[in-house]
Amino acid sequence: MKYLIMCKSLTNAQRAALELTRRGIDASVVKAPQSLRENGCGYAVSLYRRLDEAAVILRDARVLTGRIYRRADDGSYREVEDRDLSR
């Protein structure tokens, strides 16, 4: 399953992806779909697994700045609610 963690800037996305990679989570910076872009920023961190762990890492590093989306089977994106993430 593909997840997108929206970021407030390209620099923020790069920092987030680097932090995850350092912790052993495969992540990359991608251009976000137009429909998900907020406040003019079009960058996100993409990952395919370990979302709960990634969210904790990014919160602790203070680089989790945007919404998180899960790609549905039909190609659309649905927001992952904070309550859906493990604590």
PDB file of N, CA and C in Angstrom:
ATOM      1  N   MET A   1       0.844  -1.170   0.000  1.00  0.00           N
ATOM      2  CA  MET A   1       0.000   0.000   0.000  1.00  0.00           C
ATOM      3  C   MET A   1       0.893   1.239   0.000  1.00  0.00           C
ATOM      4  N   LYS A   2       0.545   2.214  -0.784  1.00  0.00           N
ATOM      5  CA  LYS A   2       1.345   3.430  -0.879  1.00  0.00           C
ATOM      6  C   LYS A   2       0.778   4.502   0.039  1.00  0.00           C
ATOM      7  N   TYR A   3       1.679   5.170   0.742  1.00  0.00           N
ATOM      8  CA  TYR A   3       1.322   6.275   1.616  1.00  0.00           C
ATOM      9  C   TYR A   3       2.065   7.523   1.182  1.00  0.00           C
ATOM     10  N   LEU A   4       1.430   8.662   1.326  1.00  0.00           N
ATOM     11  CA  LEU A   4       2.065   9.952   1.077  1.00  0.00           C
ATOM     12  C   LEU A   4       1.964  10.797   2.335  1.00  0.00           C
ATOM     13  N   ILE A   5       3.090  11.303   2.776  1.00  0.00           N
ATOM     14  CA  ILE A   5       3.134  12.224   3.903  1.00  0.00           C
ATOM     15  C   ILE A   5       3.425  13.597   3.320  1.00  0.00           C
ATOM     16  N   MET A   6       2.419  14.455   3.348  1.00  0.00           N
ATOM     17  CA  MET A   6       2.558  15.779   2.763  1.00  0.00           C
ATOM     18  C   MET A   6       3.527  16.627   3.599  1.00  0.00           C
ATOM     19  N   CYS A   7       4.261  17.478   2.912  1.00  0.00           N
ATOM     20  CA  CYS A   7       5.264  18.309   3.581  1.00  0.00           C
ATOM     21  C   CYS A   7       5.044  19.775   3.229  1.00  0.00           C
ATOM     22  N   LYS A   8       5.524  20.654   4.096  1.00  0.00           N
ATOM     23  CA  LYS A   8       5.294  22.082   3.885  1.00  0.00           C
ATOM     24  C   LYS A   8       6.258  22.700   2.880  1.00  0.00           C
ATOM     25  N   SER A   9       7.340  21.973   2.554  1.00  0.00           N
ATOM     26  CA  SER A   9       8.301  22.482   1.584  1.00  0.00           C
ATOM     27  C   SER A   9       9.141  21.325   1.055  1.00  0.00           C
ATOM     28  N   LEU A  10       9.858  21.575  -0.006  1.00  0.00           N
ATOM     29  CA  LEU A  10      10.771  20.575  -0.545  1.00  0.00           C
ATOM     30  C   LEU A  10      11.832  20.230   0.493  1.00  0.00           C
ATOM     31  N   THR A  11      12.363  21.238   1.171  1.00  0.00           N
ATOM     32  CA  THR A  11      13.387  21.009   2.190  1.00  0.00           C
ATOM     33  C   THR A  11      12.850  20.129   3.304  1.00  0.00           C
ATOM     34  N   ASN A  12      11.623  20.381   3.750  1.00  0.00           N
ATOM     35  CA  ASN A  12      11.011  19.572   4.798  1.00  0.00           C
ATOM     36  C   ASN A  12      10.845  18.126   4.326  1.00  0.00           C
ATOM     37  N   ALA A  13      10.450  17.932   3.092  1.00  0.00           N
ATOM     38  CA  ALA A  13      10.287  16.589   2.541  1.00  0.00           C
ATOM     39  C   ALA A  13      11.635  15.869   2.492  1.00  0.00           C
ATOM     40  N   GLN A  14      12.672  16.573   2.090  1.00  0.00           N
ATOM     41  CA  GLN A  14      14.001  15.967   2.028  1.00  0.00           C
ATOM     42  C   GLN A  14      14.495  15.569   3.416  1.00  0.00           C
ATOM     43  N   ARG A  15      14.270  16.422   4.395  1.00  0.00           N
ATOM     44  CA  ARG A  15      14.666  16.106   5.777  1.00  0.00           C
ATOM     45  C   ARG A  15      13.904  14.901   6.302  1.00  0.00           C
ATOM     46  N   ALA A  16      12.602  14.860   6.037  1.00  0.00           N
ATOM     47  CA  ALA A  16      11.777  13.748   6.502  1.00  0.00           C
ATOM     48  C   ALA A  16      12.231  12.430   5.867  1.00  0.00           C
ATOM     49  N   ALA A  17      12.451  12.426   4.565  1.00  0.00           N
ATOM     50  CA  ALA A  17      12.884  11.209   3.880  1.00  0.00           C
ATOM     51  C   ALA A  17      14.250  10.751   4.390  1.00  0.00           C
ATOM     52  N   LEU A  18      15.143  11.686   4.628  1.00  0.00           N
ATOM     53  CA  LEU A  18      16.463  11.344   5.150  1.00  0.00           C
ATOM     54  C   LEU A  18      16.358  10.737   6.547  1.00  0.00           C
ATOM     55  N   GLU A  19      15.521  11.326   7.382  1.00  0.00           N
ATOM     56  CA  GLU A  19      15.328  10.808   8.747  1.00  0.00           C
ATOM     57  C   GLU A  19      14.793   9.379   8.703  1.00  0.00           C
ATOM     58  N   LEU A  20      13.834   9.120   7.842  1.00  0.00           N
ATOM     59  CA  LEU A  20      13.282   7.771   7.738  1.00  0.00           C
ATOM     60  C   LEU A  20      14.309   6.786   7.195  1.00  0.00           C
ATOM     61  N   THR A  21      15.043   7.198   6.191  1.00  0.00           N
ATOM     62  CA  THR A  21      16.062   6.335   5.603  1.00  0.00           C
ATOM     63  C   THR A  21      17.132   5.984   6.635  1.00  0.00           C
ATOM     64  N   ARG A  22      17.523   6.944   7.435  1.00  0.00           N
ATOM     65  CA  ARG A  22      18.512   6.694   8.492  1.00  0.00           C
ATOM     66  C   ARG A  22      18.007   5.656   9.489  1.00  0.00           C
ATOM     67  N   ARG A  23      16.699   5.585   9.648  1.00  0.00           N
ATOM     68  CA  ARG A  23      16.092   4.643  10.600  1.00  0.00           C
ATOM     69  C   ARG A  23      15.667   3.333   9.932  1.00  0.00           C
ATOM     70  N   GLY A  24      16.071   3.142   8.688  1.00  0.00           N
ATOM     71  CA  GLY A  24      15.801   1.881   8.002  1.00  0.00           C
ATOM     72  C   GLY A  24      14.457   1.766   7.317  1.00  0.00           C
ATOM     73  N   ILE A  25      13.787   2.886   7.105  1.00  0.00           N
ATOM     74  CA  ILE A  25      12.497   2.878   6.402  1.00  0.00           C
ATOM     75  C   ILE A  25      12.708   3.461   5.007  1.00  0.00           C
ATOM     76  N   ASP A  26      12.405   2.673   3.989  1.00  0.00           N
ATOM     77  CA  ASP A  26      12.543   3.148   2.609  1.00  0.00           C
ATOM     78  C   ASP A  26      11.535   4.255   2.358  1.00  0.00           C
ATOM     79  N   ALA A  27      12.030   5.411   1.989  1.00  0.00           N
ATOM     80  CA  ALA A  27      11.174   6.570   1.724  1.00  0.00           C
ATOM     81  C   ALA A  27      11.818   7.414   0.644  1.00  0.00           C
ATOM     82  N   SER A  28      10.988   8.096  -0.121  1.00  0.00           N
ATOM     83  CA  SER A  28      11.519   8.974  -1.160  1.00  0.00           C
ATOM     84  C   SER A  28      10.658  10.228  -1.278  1.00  0.00           C
ATOM     85  N   VAL A  29      11.265  11.275  -1.791  1.00  0.00           N
ATOM     86  CA  VAL A  29      10.566  12.538  -2.026  1.00  0.00           C
ATOM     87  C   VAL A  29       9.918  12.459  -3.405  1.00  0.00           C
ATOM     88  N   VAL A  30       8.652  12.814  -3.465  1.00  0.00           N
ATOM     89  CA  VAL A  30       7.910  12.780  -4.723  1.00  0.00           C
ATOM     90  C   VAL A  30       7.091  14.058  -4.878  1.00  0.00           C
ATOM     91  N   LYS A  31       6.733  14.353  -6.112  1.00  0.00           N
ATOM     92  CA  LYS A  31       5.771  15.422  -6.373  1.00  0.00           C
ATOM     93  C   LYS A  31       4.401  14.870  -6.011  1.00  0.00           C
ATOM     94  N   ALA A  32       3.675  15.601  -5.221  1.00  0.00           N
ATOM     95  CA  ALA A  32       2.350  15.161  -4.798  1.00  0.00           C
ATOM     96  C   ALA A  32       1.340  15.379  -5.919  1.00  0.00           C
ATOM     97  N   PRO A  33       0.320  14.538  -5.965  1.00  0.00           N
ATOM     98  CA  PRO A  33      -0.751  14.759  -6.943  1.00  0.00           C
ATOM     99  C   PRO A  33      -1.380  16.142  -6.724  1.00  0.00           C
ATOM    100  N   GLN A  34      -1.785  16.772  -7.783  1.00  0.00           N
ATOM    101  CA  GLN A  34      -2.369  18.116  -7.718  1.00  0.00           C
ATOM    102  C   GLN A  34      -3.519  18.191  -6.721  1.00  0.00           C
ATOM    103  N   SER A  35      -4.310  17.148  -6.648  1.00  0.00           N
ATOM    104  CA  SER A  35      -5.483  17.145  -5.771  1.00  0.00           C
ATOM    105  C   SER A  35      -5.124  17.182  -4.287  1.00  0.00           C
ATOM    106  N   LEU A  36      -3.886  16.853  -3.936  1.00  0.00           N
ATOM    107  CA  LEU A  36      -3.477  16.826  -2.522  1.00  0.00           C
ATOM    108  C   LEU A  36      -2.648  18.034  -2.106  1.00  0.00           C
ATOM    109  N   ARG A  37      -2.299  18.857  -3.061  1.00  0.00           N
ATOM    110  CA  ARG A  37      -1.430  19.994  -2.741  1.00  0.00           C
ATOM    111  C   ARG A  37      -2.165  21.042  -1.930  1.00  0.00           C
ATOM    112  N   GLU A  38      -1.541  21.435  -0.845  1.00  0.00           N
ATOM    113  CA  GLU A  38      -2.092  22.470   0.028  1.00  0.00           C
ATOM    114  C   GLU A  38      -1.082  23.600   0.150  1.00  0.00           C
ATOM    115  N   ASN A  39      -1.578  24.800   0.230  1.00  0.00           N
ATOM    116  CA  ASN A  39      -0.713  25.964   0.463  1.00  0.00           C
ATOM    117  C   ASN A  39       0.443  26.057  -0.522  1.00  0.00           C
ATOM    118  N   GLY A  40       0.244  25.556  -1.732  1.00  0.00           N
ATOM    119  CA  GLY A  40       1.247  25.713  -2.766  1.00  0.00           C
ATOM    120  C   GLY A  40       2.376  24.715  -2.756  1.00  0.00           C
ATOM    121  N   CYS A  41       2.520  23.905  -1.710  1.00  0.00           N
ATOM    122  CA  CYS A  41       3.619  22.944  -1.683  1.00  0.00           C
ATOM    123  C   CYS A  41       3.183  21.664  -2.363  1.00  0.00           C
ATOM    124  N   GLY A  42       4.002  21.194  -3.248  1.00  0.00           N
ATOM    125  CA  GLY A  42       3.646  20.007  -3.998  1.00  0.00           C
ATOM    126  C   GLY A  42       4.548  18.825  -3.749  1.00  0.00           C
ATOM    127  N   TYR A  43       5.155  18.746  -2.565  1.00  0.00           N
ATOM    128  CA  TYR A  43       6.073  17.652  -2.280  1.00  0.00           C
ATOM    129  C   TYR A  43       5.601  16.815  -1.109  1.00  0.00           C
ATOM    130  N   ALA A  44       5.919  15.540  -1.205  1.00  0.00           N
ATOM    131  CA  ALA A  44       5.526  14.596  -0.165  1.00  0.00           C
ATOM    132  C   ALA A  44       6.613  13.540  -0.028  1.00  0.00           C
ATOM    133  N   VAL A  45       6.529  12.798   1.054  1.00  0.00           N
ATOM    134  CA  VAL A  45       7.385  11.630   1.254  1.00  0.00           C
ATOM    135  C   VAL A  45       6.523  10.412   0.965  1.00  0.00           C
ATOM    136  N   SER A  46       7.035   9.534   0.138  1.00  0.00           N
ATOM    137  CA  SER A  46       6.314   8.329  -0.252  1.00  0.00           C
ATOM    138  C   SER A  46       6.933   7.115   0.433  1.00  0.00           C
ATOM    139  N   LEU A  47       6.074   6.249   0.956  1.00  0.00           N
ATOM    140  CA  LEU A  47       6.539   4.986   1.516  1.00  0.00           C
ATOM    141  C   LEU A  47       5.456   3.942   1.335  1.00  0.00           C
ATOM    142  N   TYR A  48       5.836   2.685   1.462  1.00  0.00           N
ATOM    143  CA  TYR A  48       4.911   1.596   1.204  1.00  0.00           C
ATOM    144  C   TYR A  48       4.563   0.763   2.432  1.00  0.00           C
ATOM    145  N   ARG A  49       5.292   0.914   3.492  1.00  0.00           N
ATOM    146  CA  ARG A  49       5.002   0.160   4.710  1.00  0.00           C
ATOM    147  C   ARG A  49       5.575   0.875   5.919  1.00  0.00           C
ATOM    148  N   ARG A  50       5.241   0.379   7.086  1.00  0.00           N
ATOM    149  CA  ARG A  50       5.747   0.906   8.351  1.00  0.00           C
ATOM    150  C   ARG A  50       5.300   2.346   8.604  1.00  0.00           C
ATOM    151  N   LEU A  51       4.069   2.652   8.207  1.00  0.00           N
ATOM    152  CA  LEU A  51       3.557   4.007   8.371  1.00  0.00           C
ATOM    153  C   LEU A  51       3.506   4.426   9.832  1.00  0.00           C
ATOM    154  N   ASP A  52       3.024   3.545  10.693  1.00  0.00           N
ATOM    155  CA  ASP A  52       2.920   3.891  12.113  1.00  0.00           C
ATOM    156  C   ASP A  52       4.288   4.287  12.673  1.00  0.00           C
ATOM    157  N   GLU A  53       5.279   3.477  12.384  1.00  0.00           N
ATOM    158  CA  GLU A  53       6.637   3.750  12.862  1.00  0.00           C
ATOM    159  C   GLU A  53       7.177   5.043  12.255  1.00  0.00           C
ATOM    160  N   ALA A  54       6.923   5.250  10.974  1.00  0.00           N
ATOM    161  CA  ALA A  54       7.394   6.463  10.301  1.00  0.00           C
ATOM    162  C   ALA A  54       6.781   7.711  10.930  1.00  0.00           C
ATOM    163  N   ALA A  55       5.492   7.656  11.236  1.00  0.00           N
ATOM    164  CA  ALA A  55       4.819   8.813  11.841  1.00  0.00           C
ATOM    165  C   ALA A  55       5.438   9.154  13.194  1.00  0.00           C
ATOM    166  N   VAL A  56       5.736   8.145  13.998  1.00  0.00           N
ATOM    167  CA  VAL A  56       6.359   8.375  15.300  1.00  0.00           C
ATOM    168  C   VAL A  56       7.740   9.001  15.133  1.00  0.00           C
ATOM    169  N   ILE A  57       8.520   8.470  14.216  1.00  0.00           N
ATOM    170  CA  ILE A  57       9.871   8.994  13.967  1.00  0.00           C
ATOM    171  C   ILE A  57       9.804  10.455  13.538  1.00  0.00           C
ATOM    172  N   LEU A  58       8.910  10.760  12.621  1.00  0.00           N
ATOM    173  CA  LEU A  58       8.817  12.135  12.115  1.00  0.00           C
ATOM    174  C   LEU A  58       8.260  13.089  13.160  1.00  0.00           C
ATOM    175  N   ARG A  59       7.340  12.622  13.984  1.00  0.00           N
ATOM    176  CA  ARG A  59       6.850  13.466  15.086  1.00  0.00           C
ATOM    177  C   ARG A  59       7.976  13.778  16.063  1.00  0.00           C
ATOM    178  N   ASP A  60       8.725  12.740  16.434  1.00  0.00           N
ATOM    179  CA  ASP A  60       9.824  12.926  17.378  1.00  0.00           C
ATOM    180  C   ASP A  60      10.897  13.864  16.826  1.00  0.00           C
ATOM    181  N   ALA A  61      11.114  13.803  15.517  1.00  0.00           N
ATOM    182  CA  ALA A  61      12.116  14.663  14.871  1.00  0.00           C
ATOM    183  C   ALA A  61      11.541  16.037  14.518  1.00  0.00           C
ATOM    184  N   ARG A  62      10.257  16.221  14.780  1.00  0.00           N
ATOM    185  CA  ARG A  62       9.545  17.477  14.518  1.00  0.00           C
ATOM    186  C   ARG A  62       9.552  17.882  13.039  1.00  0.00           C
ATOM    187  N   VAL A  63       9.423  16.888  12.188  1.00  0.00           N
ATOM    188  CA  VAL A  63       9.342  17.157  10.750  1.00  0.00           C
ATOM    189  C   VAL A  63       8.052  16.619  10.130  1.00  0.00           C
ATOM    190  N   LEU A  64       7.131  16.139  10.957  1.00  0.00           N
ATOM    191  CA  LEU A  64       5.825  15.730  10.452  1.00  0.00           C
ATOM    192  C   LEU A  64       4.951  16.974  10.427  1.00  0.00           C
ATOM    193  N   THR A  65       4.801  17.560   9.235  1.00  0.00           N
ATOM    194  CA  THR A  65       4.142  18.861   9.133  1.00  0.00           C
ATOM    195  C   THR A  65       2.843  18.841   8.339  1.00  0.00           C
ATOM    196  N   GLY A  66       2.553  17.726   7.693  1.00  0.00           N
ATOM    197  CA  GLY A  66       1.369  17.710   6.838  1.00  0.00           C
ATOM    198  C   GLY A  66       0.494  16.497   7.065  1.00  0.00           C
ATOM    199  N   ARG A  67      -0.514  16.412   6.263  1.00  0.00           N
ATOM    200  CA  ARG A  67      -1.456  15.299   6.346  1.00  0.00           C
ATOM    201  C   ARG A  67      -0.848  14.044   5.738  1.00  0.00           C
ATOM    202  N   ILE A  68      -1.420  12.906   6.098  1.00  0.00           N
ATOM    203  CA  ILE A  68      -0.966  11.618   5.586  1.00  0.00           C
ATOM    204  C   ILE A  68      -2.118  11.010   4.791  1.00  0.00           C
ATOM    205  N   TYR A  69      -1.784  10.476   3.617  1.00  0.00           N
ATOM    206  CA  TYR A  69      -2.794   9.881   2.748  1.00  0.00           C
ATOM    207  C   TYR A  69      -2.404   8.453   2.374  1.00  0.00           C
ATOM    208  N   ARG A  70      -3.425   7.628   2.194  1.00  0.00           N
ATOM    209  CA  ARG A  70      -3.245   6.253   1.731  1.00  0.00           C
ATOM    210  C   ARG A  70      -3.866   6.161   0.346  1.00  0.00           C
ATOM    211  N   ARG A  71      -3.163   5.521  -0.570  1.00  0.00           N
ATOM    212  CA  ARG A  71      -3.680   5.361  -1.924  1.00  0.00           C
ATOM    213  C   ARG A  71      -4.634   4.179  -1.957  1.00  0.00           C
ATOM    214  N   ALA A  72      -5.838   4.406  -2.428  1.00  0.00           N
ATOM    215  CA  ALA A  72      -6.850   3.359  -2.540  1.00  0.00           C
ATOM    216  C   ALA A  72      -6.627   2.554  -3.820  1.00  0.00           C
ATOM    217  N   ASP A  73      -7.274   1.414  -3.901  1.00  0.00           N
ATOM    218  CA  ASP A  73      -7.140   0.549  -5.073  1.00  0.00           C
ATOM    219  C   ASP A  73      -7.564   1.235  -6.364  1.00  0.00           C
ATOM    220  N   ASP A  74      -8.489   2.197  -6.264  1.00  0.00           N
ATOM    221  CA  ASP A  74      -8.957   2.897  -7.466  1.00  0.00           C
ATOM    222  C   ASP A  74      -8.060   4.070  -7.861  1.00  0.00           C
ATOM    223  N   GLY A  75      -6.951   4.260  -7.127  1.00  0.00           N
ATOM    224  CA  GLY A  75      -6.009   5.330  -7.450  1.00  0.00           C
ATOM    225  C   GLY A  75      -6.265   6.633  -6.716  1.00  0.00           C
ATOM    226  N   SER A  76      -7.369   6.723  -6.016  1.00  0.00           N
ATOM    227  CA  SER A  76      -7.651   7.934  -5.245  1.00  0.00           C
ATOM    228  C   SER A  76      -6.903   7.882  -3.914  1.00  0.00           C
ATOM    229  N   TYR A  77      -6.840   9.017  -3.262  1.00  0.00           N
ATOM    230  CA  TYR A  77      -6.158   9.094  -1.973  1.00  0.00           C
ATOM    231  C   TYR A  77      -7.158   9.434  -0.890  1.00  0.00           C
ATOM    232  N   ARG A  78      -6.995   8.774   0.248  1.00  0.00           N
ATOM    233  CA  ARG A  78      -7.847   9.032   1.406  1.00  0.00           C
ATOM    234  C   ARG A  78      -6.953   9.386   2.579  1.00  0.00           C
ATOM    235  N   GLU A  79      -7.369  10.389   3.323  1.00  0.00           N
ATOM    236  CA  GLU A  79      -6.566  10.826   4.457  1.00  0.00           C
ATOM    237  C   GLU A  79      -6.565   9.768   5.557  1.00  0.00           C
ATOM    238  N   VAL A  80      -5.395   9.547   6.133  1.00  0.00           N
ATOM    239  CA  VAL A  80      -5.243   8.662   7.281  1.00  0.00           C
ATOM    240  C   VAL A  80      -5.436   9.527   8.516  1.00  0.00           C
ATOM    241  N   GLU A  81      -6.428   9.177   9.298  1.00  0.00           N
ATOM    242  CA  GLU A  81      -6.709   9.940  10.511  1.00  0.00           C
ATOM    243  C   GLU A  81      -5.683   9.596  11.581  1.00  0.00           C
ATOM    244  N   ASP A  82      -5.380  10.556  12.406  1.00  0.00           N
ATOM    245  CA  ASP A  82      -4.414  10.358  13.482  1.00  0.00           C
ATOM    246  C   ASP A  82      -4.817   9.196  14.376  1.00  0.00           C
ATOM    247  N   ARG A  83      -6.106   9.045  14.589  1.00  0.00           N
ATOM    248  CA  ARG A  83      -6.577   7.950  15.449  1.00  0.00           C
ATOM    249  C   ARG A  83      -6.354   6.586  14.821  1.00  0.00           C
ATOM    250  N   ASP A  84      -6.115   6.531  13.501  1.00  0.00           N
ATOM    251  CA  ASP A  84      -5.873   5.270  12.816  1.00  0.00           C
ATOM    252  C   ASP A  84      -4.417   4.807  12.961  1.00  0.00           C
ATOM    253  N   LEU A  85      -3.561   5.680  13.418  1.00  0.00           N
ATOM    254  CA  LEU A  85      -2.155   5.338  13.603  1.00  0.00           C
ATOM    255  C   LEU A  85      -1.956   4.748  14.984  1.00  0.00           C
ATOM    256  N   SER A  86      -1.099   3.755  15.072  1.00  0.00           N
ATOM    257  CA  SER A  86      -0.771   3.167  16.375  1.00  0.00           C
ATOM    258  C   SER A  86       0.017   4.165  17.194  1.00  0.00           C
ATOM    259  N   ARG A  87      -0.114   4.075  18.453  1.00  0.00           N
ATOM    260  CA  ARG A  87       0.639   4.967  19.363  1.00  0.00           C
ATOM    261  C   ARG A  87       1.832   4.245  19.894  1.00  0.00           C
TER     262      ARG A  87
END
